[in-house]
Protein backbone atom coordinates (compact mmCIF):
# COMPACT_ATOMS: atom_id res chain seq x y z
CA MET A 1 -0.23 0.31 -0.27
CA THR A 2 1.69 3.15 -1.22
CA ARG A 3 1.29 6.55 0.94
CA ALA A 4 1.00 9.86 -0.64
CA LYS A 5 4.32 11.62 -0.75
CA LYS A 6 5.02 14.08 1.78
CA GLY A 7 7.70 15.84 -0.46
CA PRO A 8 8.52 19.86 -0.51
CA ALA A 9 6.68 20.18 -3.94
CA ALA A 10 3.05 19.30 -2.37
CA GLY A 11 3.60 21.13 0.42
CA ALA A 12 4.56 24.38 -1.50
CA ILE A 13 1.61 23.75 -3.54
CA ALA A 14 -0.84 23.64 -0.75
CA LEU A 15 0.60 26.65 1.36
CA GLY A 16 0.83 28.52 -2.08
CA CYS A 17 -2.97 27.85 -2.61
CA LYS A 18 -3.59 29.11 1.24
CA ARG A 19 -1.14 32.48 0.87
CA GLY A 20 -3.18 33.31 -2.31
CA THR A 21 -6.13 33.21 -0.88
CA LYS A 22 -5.03 35.32 2.06
CA ARG A 23 -3.37 37.69 -0.12
CA GLY A 24 -6.56 38.25 -2.22
CA ALA A 25 -9.04 38.39 1.06
CA THR A 26 -6.25 41.18 2.68
CA GLY A 27 -6.22 42.95 -0.51
CA GLY A 28 -9.96 43.00 -0.79
CA LEU A 29 -10.46 44.59 2.56
CA HIS A 30 -7.61 46.86 2.28
CA LEU A 31 -9.51 48.56 -1.05
CA ALA A 32 -12.81 48.20 0.76
CA SER A 33 -12.04 50.15 3.83
CA LYS A 34 -10.13 52.67 1.47
CA LYS A 35 -13.13 53.26 -0.21
CA GLN A 36 -15.36 53.64 2.94
CA LYS A 37 -12.93 56.27 4.02
CA LYS A 38 -13.36 58.07 1.04
CA GLU A 39 -17.18 57.96 1.25
CA GLU A 40 -16.97 59.12 4.75
CA GLN A 41 -14.98 62.23 3.66
CA ILE A 42 -17.45 63.39 0.98
CA PHE A 43 -20.41 65.62 2.08
CA ARG A 44 -23.74 64.63 0.98
CA PHE A 45 -25.74 67.64 1.48
CA LEU A 46 -29.04 65.66 0.35
CA ASP A 47 -28.67 63.20 3.03
CA LEU A 48 -29.21 66.25 5.53
CA PRO A 49 -32.90 66.67 7.07
CA GLY A 50 -34.99 68.91 4.99
CA GLU A 51 -35.30 71.22 7.89
CA LEU A 52 -31.25 71.88 7.76
CA GLN A 53 -31.41 72.29 3.87
CA ASN A 54 -34.15 74.69 3.86
CA HIS A 55 -31.62 76.80 6.43
CA ILE A 56 -28.50 76.49 4.41
CA TYR A 57 -30.56 77.73 1.07
CA GLU A 58 -31.89 80.69 3.61
CA LEU A 59 -28.60 81.33 4.47
CA ALA A 60 -27.10 81.26 1.02
CA ALA A 61 -29.96 83.49 -0.05
CA ALA A 62 -29.22 86.15 2.41
CA GLU A 63 -25.75 86.36 1.64
CA THR A 64 -26.68 86.23 -2.03
CA ARG A 65 -28.64 89.66 -1.20
CA ARG A 66 -25.59 91.31 0.92
CA LYS A 67 -23.31 90.56 -2.31
CA TRP A 68 -24.98 92.08 -5.25
CA PRO A 69 -25.16 93.99 -7.21
CA ILE A 70 -22.03 93.20 -9.45
CA LEU A 71 -20.89 96.60 -10.49
CA HIS A 72 -17.90 96.78 -12.84
CA ASN A 73 -17.34 100.03 -15.46
CA LYS A 74 -16.86 98.99 -18.62
CA LEU A 75 -13.29 99.30 -20.58
CA PRO A 76 -13.06 102.54 -22.74
CA ASP A 77 -13.58 102.35 -26.63
CA ARG A 78 -10.72 101.41 -29.08
CA SER A 79 -10.09 105.28 -29.63
CA GLN A 80 -9.87 106.10 -26.12
CA ARG A 81 -7.38 103.37 -25.54
CA ARG A 82 -4.90 104.87 -28.72
CA THR A 83 -4.03 107.30 -26.20
CA ARG A 84 -0.32 107.19 -24.44
CA SER A 85 -1.64 107.10 -21.17
CA LYS A 86 -1.12 103.53 -19.42
CA PRO A 87 -3.85 101.43 -20.73
CA GLN A 88 -6.88 100.43 -18.35
CA SER A 89 -6.46 97.03 -16.99
CA PRO A 90 -9.71 94.84 -17.35
CA PRO A 91 -12.03 94.84 -14.50
CA PRO A 92 -12.40 92.02 -12.25
CA LYS A 93 -13.81 88.79 -13.18
CA ARG A 94 -17.62 88.60 -12.24
CA THR A 95 -18.28 85.90 -9.39
CA PHE A 96 -22.08 84.99 -9.09
CA PRO A 97 -22.68 84.15 -5.23
CA PHE A 98 -23.19 80.50 -5.24
CA LEU A 99 -23.91 79.92 -8.76
CA GLY A 100 -22.28 76.51 -8.47
CA PHE A 101 -24.27 75.25 -5.63
CA SER A 102 -27.60 76.43 -7.69
CA GLN A 103 -26.62 73.84 -10.11
CA THR A 104 -25.34 70.85 -8.45
CA CYS A 105 -28.17 68.73 -9.37
CA ARG A 106 -31.91 68.93 -10.52
CA LYS A 107 -33.13 69.03 -7.22
CA ILE A 108 -31.20 71.56 -5.84
CA ARG A 109 -31.35 73.62 -8.76
CA SER A 110 -35.48 73.36 -8.58
CA GLU A 111 -35.46 73.98 -4.80
CA PHE A 112 -32.85 76.81 -4.39
CA ARG A 113 -32.52 78.72 -7.66
CA PRO A 114 -35.88 80.22 -7.56
CA TRP A 115 -35.11 81.62 -4.07
CA TRP A 116 -31.77 82.33 -4.89
CA MET A 117 -32.63 84.55 -7.98
CA ASN A 118 -34.90 86.68 -5.61
CA GLY A 119 -31.58 87.91 -4.32
CA HIS A 120 -29.93 89.17 -7.35
CA ARG A 121 -29.54 92.95 -8.27
CA LEU A 122 -28.44 93.43 -11.66
CA PRO A 123 -27.21 96.82 -13.14
CA LEU A 124 -29.34 98.16 -16.02
CA SER A 125 -26.73 97.57 -18.45
CA GLU A 126 -26.12 93.72 -17.64
CA LEU A 127 -29.67 93.18 -17.88
CA ASP A 128 -29.46 91.93 -21.85
CA ASP A 129 -26.80 89.16 -20.86
CA TYR A 130 -28.85 88.28 -17.47
CA ILE A 131 -31.96 87.55 -19.19
CA SER A 132 -30.56 85.34 -21.91
CA VAL A 133 -28.74 83.19 -19.28
CA PHE A 134 -31.56 82.97 -16.54
CA PHE A 135 -34.54 83.21 -18.50
CA ARG A 136 -34.00 81.57 -21.36
CA GLY A 137 -36.67 81.02 -24.19
CA GLN A 138 -38.89 78.25 -23.52
CA LEU A 139 -39.32 75.68 -26.23
CA LYS A 140 -42.36 73.60 -26.24
CA LYS A 141 -40.52 70.25 -25.72
CA GLY A 142 -38.69 71.47 -22.68
CA ARG A 143 -40.87 73.79 -20.91
CA ASP A 144 -41.50 71.28 -18.15
CA ARG A 145 -37.81 71.15 -17.70
CA GLN A 146 -37.34 74.73 -17.42
CA ASP A 147 -40.00 76.11 -15.32
CA PRO A 148 -39.13 74.74 -12.09
CA TYR A 149 -35.42 76.71 -12.27
CA PHE A 150 -37.18 80.01 -11.73
CA ASN A 151 -40.15 81.32 -9.56
CA PRO A 152 -42.68 82.68 -12.12
CA ALA A 153 -43.65 85.39 -9.33
CA GLY A 154 -40.38 85.53 -8.51
CA MET A 155 -38.52 89.43 -7.98
CA LEU A 156 -35.82 90.87 -9.72
CA ARG A 157 -33.78 93.97 -8.75
CA VAL A 158 -32.51 96.37 -11.00
CA TRP A 159 -29.89 98.76 -10.09
CA VAL A 160 -29.99 101.93 -12.06
CA ARG A 161 -27.19 104.71 -12.84
CA ASP A 162 -27.34 108.12 -14.28
CA SER A 163 -24.32 106.42 -16.70
CA GLU A 164 -26.43 104.03 -18.04
CA LEU A 165 -29.41 106.13 -19.07
CA LYS A 166 -27.56 107.85 -22.11
CA ASP A 167 -28.54 105.58 -24.60
CA ILE A 168 -29.90 101.50 -23.87
CA ASP A 169 -32.48 99.51 -25.33
CA ILE A 170 -34.82 97.98 -22.41
CA MET A 171 -36.91 96.03 -24.96
CA ARG A 172 -35.70 92.53 -23.11
CA LEU A 173 -36.87 93.70 -19.73
CA VAL A 174 -40.16 94.83 -21.05
CA LYS A 175 -40.74 91.87 -22.86
CA LEU A 176 -39.77 89.85 -19.84
CA LYS A 177 -42.37 91.50 -17.72
CA VAL A 178 -44.84 90.59 -20.53
CA ARG A 179 -44.03 86.97 -20.57
CA LEU A 180 -44.03 86.94 -16.42
CA PRO A 181 -46.88 89.21 -15.51
CA ASN A 182 -46.56 87.95 -11.81
CA TYR A 183 -42.65 88.59 -11.61
CA THR A 184 -42.03 91.68 -9.59
CA ILE A 185 -39.07 94.00 -11.19
CA ILE A 186 -37.99 96.72 -8.39
CA PHE A 187 -35.93 99.55 -9.22
CA ASP A 188 -33.26 100.57 -7.15
CA HIS A 189 -31.04 103.89 -7.58
CA GLY A 190 -28.57 106.26 -6.00
CA SER A 191 -28.73 110.07 -5.48
CA ASP A 192 -27.70 110.67 -9.29
CA VAL A 193 -30.71 109.53 -10.41
CA PRO A 194 -34.09 111.60 -9.59
CA GLY A 195 -37.14 109.52 -7.90
CA PRO A 196 -39.72 110.53 -10.81
CA LEU A 197 -37.59 109.06 -13.08
CA ILE A 198 -37.75 105.68 -11.35
CA TYR A 199 -41.27 106.21 -11.02
CA GLY A 200 -41.96 106.74 -14.66
CA LEU A 201 -39.79 103.63 -15.58
CA ASN A 202 -41.93 101.59 -13.17
CA GLN A 203 -44.95 102.84 -15.35
CA LEU A 204 -43.76 101.72 -18.50
CA VAL A 205 -42.25 98.26 -17.57
CA ASN A 206 -45.55 97.54 -15.81
CA ASN A 207 -47.82 98.40 -18.43
CA THR A 208 -50.73 96.35 -19.03
CA ASN A 209 -52.54 98.17 -21.76
CA ALA A 210 -54.09 95.39 -24.05
CA GLN A 211 -52.75 97.45 -27.04
CA TRP A 212 -49.38 97.82 -25.89
CA LEU A 213 -49.71 94.09 -25.08
CA ARG A 214 -50.66 93.12 -28.56
CA TRP A 215 -47.86 95.09 -30.19
CA LEU A 216 -45.12 93.08 -27.99
CA ARG A 217 -46.52 89.74 -28.27
CA GLY A 218 -47.09 90.32 -31.97
CA ASN A 219 -43.04 91.50 -32.32
CA ILE A 220 -44.71 95.05 -33.68
CA ILE A 221 -42.20 96.32 -31.41
CA THR A 222 -38.77 96.51 -32.05
CA GLN A 223 -37.12 98.58 -29.31
CA VAL A 224 -37.94 100.55 -26.55
CA ARG A 225 -34.86 102.82 -25.91
CA ILE A 226 -33.99 105.15 -23.00
CA ARG A 227 -32.17 108.49 -24.44
CA GLN A 228 -30.86 111.53 -22.86
CA ASN A 229 -30.40 114.73 -24.90
CA ASN A 230 -26.85 115.93 -24.97
CA ASN A 231 -27.84 119.31 -23.96
CA SER A 232 -30.12 118.76 -21.53
CA ALA A 233 -31.31 116.45 -18.77
CA SER A 234 -34.49 115.81 -20.23
CA HIS A 235 -34.96 111.59 -21.04
CA LYS A 236 -37.18 109.99 -23.58
CA PHE A 237 -38.24 106.74 -24.21
CA TYR A 238 -38.15 105.95 -27.74
CA VAL A 239 -40.56 103.25 -29.12
CA VAL A 240 -39.66 101.67 -32.27
CA VAL A 241 -42.25 100.19 -34.59
CA LYS A 242 -41.93 97.91 -37.61
CA GLU A 243 -42.78 99.90 -40.71
CA LYS A 244 -45.73 98.01 -41.90
CA TRP A 245 -47.73 99.18 -38.51
CA ALA A 246 -46.20 102.73 -38.57
CA LYS A 247 -48.30 105.58 -38.65
CA ASP A 248 -47.06 108.69 -40.91
CA TRP A 249 -46.62 110.97 -38.55
CA MET A 250 -43.97 108.57 -36.68
CA LYS A 251 -41.43 108.34 -39.52
CA PRO A 252 -39.52 112.33 -39.66
CA ALA A 253 -36.71 111.83 -37.01
CA LEU A 254 -37.05 115.78 -36.15
CA ASN A 255 -39.74 117.48 -34.73
CA GLN A 256 -41.97 114.77 -34.39
CA ALA A 257 -45.60 115.43 -33.60
CA VAL A 258 -47.21 112.42 -31.61
CA ALA A 259 -50.84 112.43 -32.73
CA ASP A 260 -53.53 113.76 -30.09
CA GLY A 261 -54.80 110.77 -28.12
CA PHE A 262 -52.35 108.16 -29.65
CA LEU A 263 -50.43 107.86 -26.05
CA ASP A 264 -54.01 106.85 -24.14
CA THR A 265 -54.16 103.91 -26.92
CA ILE A 266 -51.28 102.36 -25.65
CA GLY A 267 -51.41 103.50 -21.64
CA LEU A 268 -48.50 105.81 -21.81
CA GLU A 269 -50.91 108.87 -21.31
CA ASP A 270 -50.23 109.56 -17.93
CA LEU A 271 -46.32 108.66 -18.08
CA VAL A 272 -44.16 110.69 -15.44
CA TYR A 273 -41.22 112.19 -16.15
CA TRP A 274 -40.61 110.93 -19.89
CA ASN A 275 -41.32 112.16 -23.06
CA VAL A 276 -42.40 109.49 -25.46
CA ARG A 277 -41.20 109.48 -29.03
CA PHE A 278 -41.41 107.09 -31.90
CA GLY A 279 -39.10 105.51 -34.85
CA VAL A 280 -39.62 103.34 -37.54
CA CYS A 281 -37.81 100.11 -38.40
CA TYR A 282 -37.44 99.46 -42.09
CA SER A 283 -35.49 96.10 -42.11
């Protein structure tokens, strides 16, 4: 009767299998513990209780209101840059407080962003860019995806400075109010801007006259410009109308006489401070 050999080769094979198993298990445990440690270092905001999440939203929104508006003067035009004086350095990069947080995920974006946007206060000159980013035109297919990202009954504060009233088109702001009639637009200003000017600006933006709204929704009006005469402190609203819809008296650029009673038809007859003039878009 023969016995199984107990030579070193057999022992080596047995030990090798045992060691291999031990080495695999140890390596697996090491990787698992390393992964667990890494996960423990991650801050999971959505794992917090809802009350605590709302408190963080509240603090972030309050800090946003404190840091706005973000005001930078634009660089001079090229003709001014060609002088021998030292060129002006570009303004510091604009930063939107908590912009990254507002875009973390769909849930945070839908919960926090409408609240966050209520704390924004924009200079008048930056409104076009702001509206194109935060109030993009809604496609029918994507409407349900974009609606939660801002509150249709929210609030926007606009900072008005005298230097921005020389010549600026506020058409996008006017159309934003038409698109979101329950949105509150508040104009803030300093001592360089008279109160009656702001009152009249509010009247224009919040005009709910039926004919005025039809012209805006039908794209009959192409521009609503603010202009200040160089030789006086008076300000004018220039309403630019497509040629097809323009009245004959709207076409003269100089010495224009608005037809009697016409401002009544578009709800601008009682406009405070401002003079209303009309232009024609021939393109």
